[in-house]
Amino acid sequence: MTQKKAVLVLEDGTRFPGLLSGGAIDWKNDRGYGEVVFNTGMTGYQEILTDPSYFGQIICMTQPQIGNTGINGEDSESPKAWCAGLVILELSDDVPHWRKSRSLTTFLEEQGVPLLTGVDTRALTLHLRSRGAIRGLICPLEQGDAVAANFSTLPSFEGRDLIREVTTQKPYTIGSGDLGRIRITALDFGAKTGLLRMLEKRNCDIRVLPAYASAAEILDHGGRAPDGVFLSNGPGDPSIATPAIQSVRSILGKVPIFGVCMGHQILCQALDAQTFKLKFGHRGSNQPVLDSTTGRVEISSHNHGYAVDPATLPPSVRITHRHLSDGTVEGIEWNPGSGLAPAFSVQYHPEACPGPHDSESLFDRFMERIREQRQHRA
């Protein structure tokens, strides 16, 4: 493994030196340039690297040692790594593991993701907590003094439609197509494989559509109406996703809807609420959330930089979940009455189940809403 001295330069001029390996730096193609964020998860780096929600971000892992389980063939959330870079303290790349198919460094080289090791990640995390998420560049150490001028030539992430860059370009279907299976239309804002797998295991056929499909396309599941609509996770600013917000607003009340992460934010905006950017976001697999429906606290997995403003939610919406660290909205339910189909969403990732089964029941709740709506129509 070839390493050379390098540095992470933040837009405010702060520098964090380390050793560079992995993929080549290509700032204009989101490799080595991105919004610098931190993740507090102690495990799951493979899922993090392959999560489309991290597109355009340089990820700092707060867990000191990364790489000791390698990369395997089962845990990826998509076919590729999406992040702009990975920053860690200690690389443990040569430890044998029974599930390992290749090393973390090899994977990052294949995927073109720069890896910066030997970084004081505690100092970087504390800086991001104080300063907030900020753009950064990874570069060779000798270029560090001159690199600041490059920020003005690179695109900002505010107002950039990252969803359009990660969504599927063509519809596709998951499931057997057998009669009697539940028909789900999923809007792909950057969908993780684990979310779709949770639906498939509940006897669902899932038709996955590009993020900005029209309302007519959403309500067409192979010539029949879907039983439910699922809104996936995804990257970036939710207020940019105007076509999706309009489409979801058009189908409200016609079919049960379940949204996750970005899908939660888009559903809330379709209900005329607003979103705002958090200072440094929630990213990690150890986030406590209170479910007011059950009265239980769930340990949940998060990856988002925006939240829903509770003051803008309409009276028809009930807040069902709150984050216990900062009180932000983590889930809502919309019950329109008069036989119209309900909608609900959560800000976190119920398929990740770090609890380990705390949140998986939300998928069962979705199936229950679908069965209730079927009975009403009958």
Protein backbone atom coordinates (compact mmCIF):
# COMPACT_ATOMS: atom_id res chain seq x y z
CA MET A 1 0.00 0.00 0.00
CA THR A 2 1.46 3.33 -1.10
CA GLN A 3 1.01 6.25 1.29
CA LYS A 4 2.19 9.82 1.11
CA LYS A 5 1.84 12.82 3.35
CA ALA A 6 -1.40 14.71 2.78
CA VAL A 7 -3.72 17.12 4.51
CA LEU A 8 -7.44 17.82 4.87
CA VAL A 9 -7.95 21.56 4.44
CA LEU A 10 -11.25 23.02 5.61
CA GLU A 11 -12.84 26.07 4.04
CA ASP A 12 -12.14 28.07 7.22
CA GLY A 13 -8.42 27.38 6.81
CA THR A 14 -8.08 24.67 9.49
CA ARG A 15 -5.74 21.84 8.48
CA PHE A 16 -5.60 18.20 9.57
CA PRO A 17 -2.54 16.26 8.33
CA GLY A 18 -2.42 12.53 7.62
CA LEU A 19 -1.32 9.88 5.14
CA LEU A 20 -3.06 9.47 1.79
CA SER A 21 -3.98 6.18 0.11
CA GLY A 22 -7.06 4.68 -1.57
CA GLY A 23 -8.39 6.29 -4.74
CA ALA A 24 -7.06 9.26 -6.67
CA ILE A 25 -8.04 12.84 -5.86
CA ASP A 26 -10.43 14.36 -8.41
CA TRP A 27 -12.12 17.39 -6.87
CA LYS A 28 -14.35 18.22 -9.83
CA ASN A 29 -15.81 14.70 -9.72
CA ASP A 30 -16.45 14.68 -5.96
CA ARG A 31 -13.34 12.70 -4.99
CA GLY A 32 -11.37 14.42 -2.25
CA TYR A 33 -13.74 17.41 -2.20
CA GLY A 34 -16.95 17.50 -0.19
CA GLU A 35 -18.83 18.55 2.89
CA VAL A 36 -16.90 17.23 5.90
CA VAL A 37 -19.10 15.37 8.40
CA PHE A 38 -18.52 12.93 11.24
CA ASN A 39 -20.13 9.57 11.98
CA THR A 40 -20.23 8.17 15.53
CA GLY A 41 -20.97 4.55 14.59
CA MET A 42 -18.60 1.98 16.08
CA THR A 43 -19.29 -0.51 13.27
CA GLY A 44 -20.79 -0.52 9.77
CA TYR A 45 -18.21 1.35 7.71
CA GLN A 46 -19.01 -0.75 4.63
CA GLU A 47 -22.68 0.22 4.80
CA ILE A 48 -21.69 3.86 5.32
CA LEU A 49 -19.34 3.94 2.34
CA THR A 50 -21.97 2.46 0.00
CA ASP A 51 -24.91 4.55 1.23
CA PRO A 52 -25.94 7.02 -1.54
CA SER A 53 -26.98 9.50 1.18
CA TYR A 54 -23.26 10.21 1.73
CA PHE A 55 -22.75 11.41 -1.85
CA GLY A 56 -20.66 14.58 -1.84
CA GLN A 57 -19.40 14.15 1.73
CA ILE A 58 -16.00 13.45 3.28
CA ILE A 59 -16.69 11.17 6.24
CA CYS A 60 -14.72 11.36 9.48
CA MET A 61 -15.18 8.20 11.56
CA THR A 62 -15.01 8.87 15.32
CA GLN A 63 -14.28 5.18 16.01
CA PRO A 64 -10.46 5.17 16.28
CA GLN A 65 -9.69 1.94 14.40
CA ILE A 66 -11.30 1.20 11.03
CA GLY A 67 -10.81 -1.65 8.56
CA ASN A 68 -10.37 -4.71 10.75
CA THR A 69 -13.33 -6.61 9.25
CA GLY A 70 -12.42 -5.78 5.66
CA ILE A 71 -15.09 -5.67 2.96
CA ASN A 72 -17.50 -8.56 2.30
CA GLY A 73 -20.00 -9.45 -0.40
CA GLU A 74 -23.18 -9.04 1.63
CA ASP A 75 -23.20 -5.75 3.54
CA SER A 76 -23.08 -3.09 0.81
CA GLU A 77 -26.09 -0.78 0.54
CA SER A 78 -25.51 -0.18 -3.19
CA PRO A 79 -23.14 -1.43 -5.90
CA LYS A 80 -20.58 1.37 -5.37
CA ALA A 81 -19.02 3.73 -2.83
CA TRP A 82 -20.58 7.18 -2.98
CA CYS A 83 -18.70 9.33 -0.49
CA ALA A 84 -16.05 11.88 -1.48
CA GLY A 85 -13.46 10.63 0.98
CA LEU A 86 -12.84 8.75 4.22
CA VAL A 87 -10.87 10.18 7.16
CA ILE A 88 -9.79 7.93 10.04
CA LEU A 89 -7.27 7.77 12.86
CA GLU A 90 -5.91 4.22 12.57
CA LEU A 91 -6.15 1.82 9.63
CA SER A 92 -6.29 -1.89 10.52
CA ASP A 93 -6.14 -3.47 7.09
CA ASP A 94 -4.30 -6.76 7.45
CA VAL A 95 -6.39 -8.58 10.06
CA PRO A 96 -8.04 -11.83 8.85
CA HIS A 97 -11.82 -12.04 9.19
CA TRP A 98 -14.08 -14.91 8.18
CA ARG A 99 -16.38 -12.72 6.04
CA LYS A 100 -13.64 -10.64 4.43
CA SER A 101 -13.33 -10.80 0.62
CA ARG A 102 -10.85 -7.92 0.27
CA SER A 103 -9.30 -5.16 2.35
CA LEU A 104 -10.78 -1.73 2.94
CA THR A 105 -7.86 -0.08 1.13
CA THR A 106 -8.28 -2.31 -1.91
CA PHE A 107 -11.99 -1.52 -2.03
CA LEU A 108 -11.35 2.24 -1.82
CA GLU A 109 -8.72 2.01 -4.56
CA GLU A 110 -11.21 0.16 -6.79
CA GLN A 111 -13.93 2.70 -6.05
CA GLY A 112 -11.72 5.78 -6.42
CA VAL A 113 -12.33 7.06 -2.88
CA PRO A 114 -9.37 8.85 -1.23
CA LEU A 115 -8.46 7.57 2.26
CA LEU A 116 -6.72 9.84 4.78
CA THR A 117 -5.32 7.99 7.81
CA GLY A 118 -3.42 9.08 10.90
CA VAL A 119 -5.70 12.10 11.36
CA ASP A 120 -6.56 13.45 14.81
CA THR A 121 -10.23 12.60 14.31
CA ARG A 122 -11.14 13.68 17.85
CA ALA A 123 -9.88 17.20 17.14
CA LEU A 124 -11.62 17.22 13.75
CA THR A 125 -14.93 16.08 15.28
CA LEU A 126 -14.75 18.71 18.03
CA HIS A 127 -14.04 21.36 15.40
CA LEU A 128 -17.05 20.26 13.31
CA ARG A 129 -19.29 20.25 16.40
CA SER A 130 -18.23 23.82 17.13
CA ARG A 131 -18.01 25.16 13.59
CA GLY A 132 -20.66 23.00 11.94
CA ALA A 133 -20.43 20.97 8.73
CA ILE A 134 -18.07 22.67 6.28
CA ARG A 135 -16.52 22.05 2.87
CA GLY A 136 -13.09 20.45 2.76
CA LEU A 137 -10.37 19.37 0.33
CA ILE A 138 -7.93 16.47 0.61
CA CYS A 139 -4.62 17.21 -1.08
CA PRO A 140 -0.91 16.30 -0.98
CA LEU A 141 0.86 18.03 1.90
CA GLU A 142 3.00 20.22 -0.36
CA GLN A 143 -0.16 21.72 -1.92
CA GLY A 144 -1.83 22.52 1.40
CA ASP A 145 -0.81 26.19 1.57
CA ALA A 146 -2.17 27.01 -1.88
CA VAL A 147 -5.30 24.90 -1.93
CA ALA A 148 -7.64 27.40 -0.22
CA ALA A 149 -8.10 29.32 -3.46
CA ASN A 150 -9.74 26.26 -5.03
CA PHE A 151 -12.91 26.53 -2.91
CA SER A 152 -14.16 29.47 -4.98
CA THR A 153 -13.89 27.38 -8.16
CA LEU A 154 -15.78 24.36 -6.84
CA PRO A 155 -19.58 24.08 -6.55
CA SER A 156 -21.30 24.67 -3.24
CA PHE A 157 -23.55 21.95 -1.86
CA GLU A 158 -26.23 24.45 -0.91
CA GLY A 159 -28.85 24.33 -3.65
CA ARG A 160 -27.24 21.43 -5.51
CA ASP A 161 -29.64 18.66 -6.54
CA LEU A 162 -27.72 15.63 -5.27
CA ILE A 163 -30.81 13.40 -5.52
CA ARG A 164 -30.82 13.70 -9.30
CA GLU A 165 -27.19 12.49 -9.33
CA VAL A 166 -27.81 9.29 -7.34
CA THR A 167 -31.31 8.13 -8.32
CA THR A 168 -31.92 5.22 -10.69
CA GLN A 169 -32.28 6.32 -14.29
CA LYS A 170 -34.78 3.59 -15.22
CA PRO A 171 -37.59 1.84 -13.32
CA TYR A 172 -36.95 -1.70 -12.10
CA THR A 173 -38.86 -4.28 -10.10
CA ILE A 174 -37.93 -6.42 -7.10
CA GLY A 175 -40.01 -9.47 -6.20
CA SER A 176 -41.57 -12.57 -7.71
CA GLY A 177 -44.65 -10.95 -9.26
CA ASP A 178 -46.88 -13.68 -7.82
CA LEU A 179 -50.56 -12.90 -7.38
CA GLY A 180 -51.50 -11.85 -3.88
CA ARG A 181 -48.26 -10.06 -3.15
CA ILE A 182 -48.40 -6.47 -1.91
CA ARG A 183 -47.62 -3.93 -4.63
CA ILE A 184 -45.29 -1.13 -3.53
CA THR A 185 -44.06 1.80 -5.59
CA ALA A 186 -40.76 3.13 -4.24
CA LEU A 187 -39.34 6.53 -5.16
CA ASP A 188 -35.56 6.23 -5.27
CA PHE A 189 -33.95 9.35 -3.79
CA GLY A 190 -30.81 7.28 -3.13
CA ALA A 191 -32.36 4.11 -1.77
CA LYS A 192 -30.36 1.71 0.38
CA THR A 193 -30.62 -1.99 -0.47
CA GLY A 194 -31.55 -2.79 3.12
CA LEU A 195 -34.73 -0.71 2.94
CA LEU A 196 -35.98 -2.47 -0.18
CA ARG A 197 -35.03 -5.83 1.33
CA MET A 198 -37.23 -5.12 4.37
CA LEU A 199 -40.20 -4.57 2.05
CA GLU A 200 -39.49 -7.65 -0.07
CA LYS A 201 -39.34 -9.94 2.98
CA ARG A 202 -42.88 -8.77 3.84
CA ASN A 203 -44.34 -10.30 0.68
CA CYS A 204 -43.99 -7.13 -1.39
CA ASP A 205 -43.28 -6.61 -5.06
CA ILE A 206 -41.46 -3.29 -5.30
CA ARG A 207 -41.46 -1.17 -8.44
CA VAL A 208 -38.58 1.30 -7.99
CA LEU A 209 -38.94 4.59 -9.88
CA PRO A 210 -36.60 7.53 -10.50
CA ALA A 211 -36.87 10.21 -7.85
CA TYR A 212 -38.82 12.67 -9.96
CA ALA A 213 -41.45 10.34 -11.40
CA SER A 214 -44.84 11.96 -11.96
CA ALA A 215 -47.91 11.24 -9.84
CA ALA A 216 -49.38 9.22 -12.72
CA GLU A 217 -46.24 7.08 -12.92
CA ILE A 218 -46.23 6.54 -9.15
CA LEU A 219 -49.82 5.29 -9.22
CA ASP A 220 -49.13 2.83 -12.04
CA HIS A 221 -47.68 -0.46 -10.77
CA GLY A 222 -47.55 -2.49 -13.97
CA GLY A 223 -51.01 -1.45 -15.09
CA ARG A 224 -52.55 -1.68 -11.60
CA ALA A 225 -52.64 0.74 -8.69
CA PRO A 226 -50.02 0.17 -5.99
CA ASP A 227 -51.09 -0.83 -2.48
CA GLY A 228 -48.59 1.58 -0.96
CA VAL A 229 -45.89 4.11 -1.79
CA PHE A 230 -42.46 4.12 -0.16
CA LEU A 231 -40.24 7.23 -0.09
CA SER A 232 -36.56 6.36 0.32
CA ASN A 233 -33.54 7.99 1.88
CA GLY A 234 -31.24 10.25 -0.15
CA PRO A 235 -28.59 13.01 -0.02
CA GLY A 236 -28.63 16.77 0.08
CA ASP A 237 -31.09 19.58 0.70
CA PRO A 238 -34.71 18.32 0.70
CA SER A 239 -36.10 21.70 -0.33
CA ILE A 240 -34.41 21.28 -3.74
CA ALA A 241 -36.53 18.21 -4.56
CA THR A 242 -39.49 20.27 -5.83
CA PRO A 243 -40.71 17.74 -8.45
CA ALA A 244 -40.88 14.97 -5.84
CA ILE A 245 -42.65 17.22 -3.35
CA GLN A 246 -45.28 18.09 -5.94
CA SER A 247 -45.78 14.45 -6.97
CA VAL A 248 -46.17 13.29 -3.37
CA ARG A 249 -48.61 16.12 -2.68
CA SER A 250 -50.69 14.93 -5.64
CA ILE A 251 -51.02 11.37 -4.29
CA LEU A 252 -51.68 12.22 -0.63
CA GLY A 253 -54.77 10.39 0.58
CA LYS A 254 -54.94 8.09 -2.46
CA VAL A 255 -52.61 5.36 -1.18
CA PRO A 256 -50.78 4.71 2.12
CA ILE A 257 -47.33 6.34 2.19
CA PHE A 258 -44.26 5.52 4.28
CA GLY A 259 -41.18 7.76 4.14
CA VAL A 260 -37.68 7.31 5.57
CA CYS A 261 -34.99 10.01 6.04
CA MET A 262 -35.14 12.11 2.85
CA GLY A 263 -38.55 10.53 2.23
CA HIS A 264 -39.67 11.85 5.63
CA GLN A 265 -38.57 15.36 4.74
CA ILE A 266 -40.22 15.27 1.32
CA LEU A 267 -43.49 13.97 2.80
CA CYS A 268 -43.49 16.77 5.38
CA GLN A 269 -42.87 19.37 2.68
CA ALA A 270 -45.71 17.88 0.63
CA LEU A 271 -47.83 18.57 3.73
CA ASP A 272 -46.64 22.22 3.56
CA ALA A 273 -44.00 22.03 6.31
CA GLN A 274 -40.50 23.43 5.97
CA THR A 275 -37.03 22.02 6.60
CA PHE A 276 -33.82 23.59 7.94
CA LYS A 277 -30.15 22.64 8.04
CA LEU A 278 -28.75 21.25 11.27
CA LYS A 279 -25.42 22.57 12.51
CA PHE A 280 -23.59 19.25 12.10
CA GLY A 281 -26.37 16.74 11.54
CA HIS A 282 -27.07 13.30 12.98
CA ARG A 283 -24.83 10.53 11.66
CA GLY A 284 -24.30 7.31 13.55
CA SER A 285 -25.91 4.10 14.74
CA ASN A 286 -26.46 5.10 18.37
CA GLN A 287 -29.07 7.87 18.28
CA PRO A 288 -31.87 7.75 20.93
CA VAL A 289 -35.39 8.43 19.68
CA LEU A 290 -38.64 8.45 21.68
CA ASP A 291 -41.65 6.83 20.00
CA SER A 292 -44.68 8.52 21.58
CA THR A 293 -46.99 5.85 20.12
CA THR A 294 -45.36 3.02 22.10
CA GLY A 295 -43.69 5.07 24.83
CA ARG A 296 -40.42 3.29 24.08
CA VAL A 297 -36.97 4.70 23.37
CA GLU A 298 -35.35 3.28 20.24
CA ILE A 299 -31.63 3.22 19.52
CA SER A 300 -31.59 4.18 15.88
CA SER A 301 -29.31 4.73 12.90
CA HIS A 302 -29.14 8.21 11.37
CA ASN A 303 -27.59 9.97 8.42
CA HIS A 304 -29.02 13.40 7.72
CA GLY A 305 -28.03 17.06 7.81
CA TYR A 306 -31.53 18.58 7.64
CA ALA A 307 -34.60 18.41 9.88
CA VAL A 308 -38.30 19.34 9.75
CA ASP A 309 -39.39 22.56 11.46
CA PRO A 310 -42.17 21.47 13.88
CA ALA A 311 -43.70 24.95 13.94
CA THR A 312 -44.59 24.63 10.25
CA LEU A 313 -46.40 21.27 10.45
CA PRO A 314 -50.16 21.55 9.85
CA PRO A 315 -52.73 20.60 12.54
CA SER A 316 -53.53 17.39 10.65
CA VAL A 317 -50.03 16.06 11.41
CA ARG A 318 -49.06 14.41 14.70
CA ILE A 319 -45.41 14.28 15.74
CA THR A 320 -44.77 10.65 16.67
CA HIS A 321 -41.01 10.62 17.32
CA ARG A 322 -38.51 13.02 18.89
CA HIS A 323 -34.73 12.89 19.14
CA LEU A 324 -33.81 12.76 22.82
CA SER A 325 -30.55 14.68 22.37
CA ASP A 326 -31.90 17.84 20.72
CA GLY A 327 -35.69 17.40 20.47
CA THR A 328 -35.80 17.48 16.67
CA VAL A 329 -38.71 15.87 14.84
CA GLU A 330 -37.95 12.21 14.09
CA GLY A 331 -41.34 11.01 12.89
CA ILE A 332 -44.82 12.17 11.91
CA GLU A 333 -48.23 10.70 11.07
CA TRP A 334 -50.89 12.25 8.86
CA ASN A 335 -54.44 10.97 9.32
CA PRO A 336 -56.76 12.82 6.94
CA GLY A 337 -59.91 10.90 7.90
CA SER A 338 -62.95 10.44 5.65
CA GLY A 339 -61.59 7.17 4.27
CA LEU A 340 -58.50 8.77 2.77
CA ALA A 341 -55.24 6.82 2.96
CA PRO A 342 -52.85 7.79 5.79
CA ALA A 343 -49.16 8.66 5.55
CA PHE A 344 -46.34 8.44 8.07
CA SER A 345 -42.56 8.81 8.09
CA VAL A 346 -39.45 8.70 10.24
CA GLN A 347 -36.20 10.64 10.00
CA TYR A 348 -33.99 7.68 10.88
CA HIS A 349 -33.21 4.31 9.23
CA PRO A 350 -35.44 1.53 10.62
CA GLU A 351 -33.83 -1.13 8.40
CA ALA A 352 -30.43 -0.70 10.13
CA CYS A 353 -31.84 -1.94 13.47
CA PRO A 354 -28.89 -1.15 15.75
CA GLY A 355 -31.25 -1.83 18.65
CA PRO A 356 -31.16 -4.58 17.10
CA HIS A 357 -34.92 -4.87 16.42
CA ASP A 358 -36.19 -1.59 17.87
CA SER A 359 -37.40 -0.01 14.63
CA GLU A 360 -38.13 -2.86 12.23
CA SER A 361 -41.77 -2.88 13.35
CA LEU A 362 -42.29 0.33 11.34
CA PHE A 363 -42.37 -1.78 8.20
CA ASP A 364 -45.06 -3.93 9.83
CA ARG A 365 -46.96 -0.75 10.64
CA PHE A 366 -46.83 0.16 6.95
CA MET A 367 -48.22 -3.27 5.99
CA GLU A 368 -50.99 -2.81 8.56
CA ARG A 369 -51.97 0.55 7.07
CA ILE A 370 -52.09 -1.09 3.63
CA ARG A 371 -54.34 -3.91 4.88
CA GLU A 372 -56.66 -1.40 6.56
CA GLN A 373 -56.94 0.61 3.36
CA ARG A 374 -57.64 -2.54 1.35
CA GLN A 375 -60.47 -3.45 3.73
CA HIS A 376 -61.92 0.05 3.47
CA ARG A 377 -61.94 -0.12 -0.32
CA ALA A 378 -63.56 -3.56 -0.26
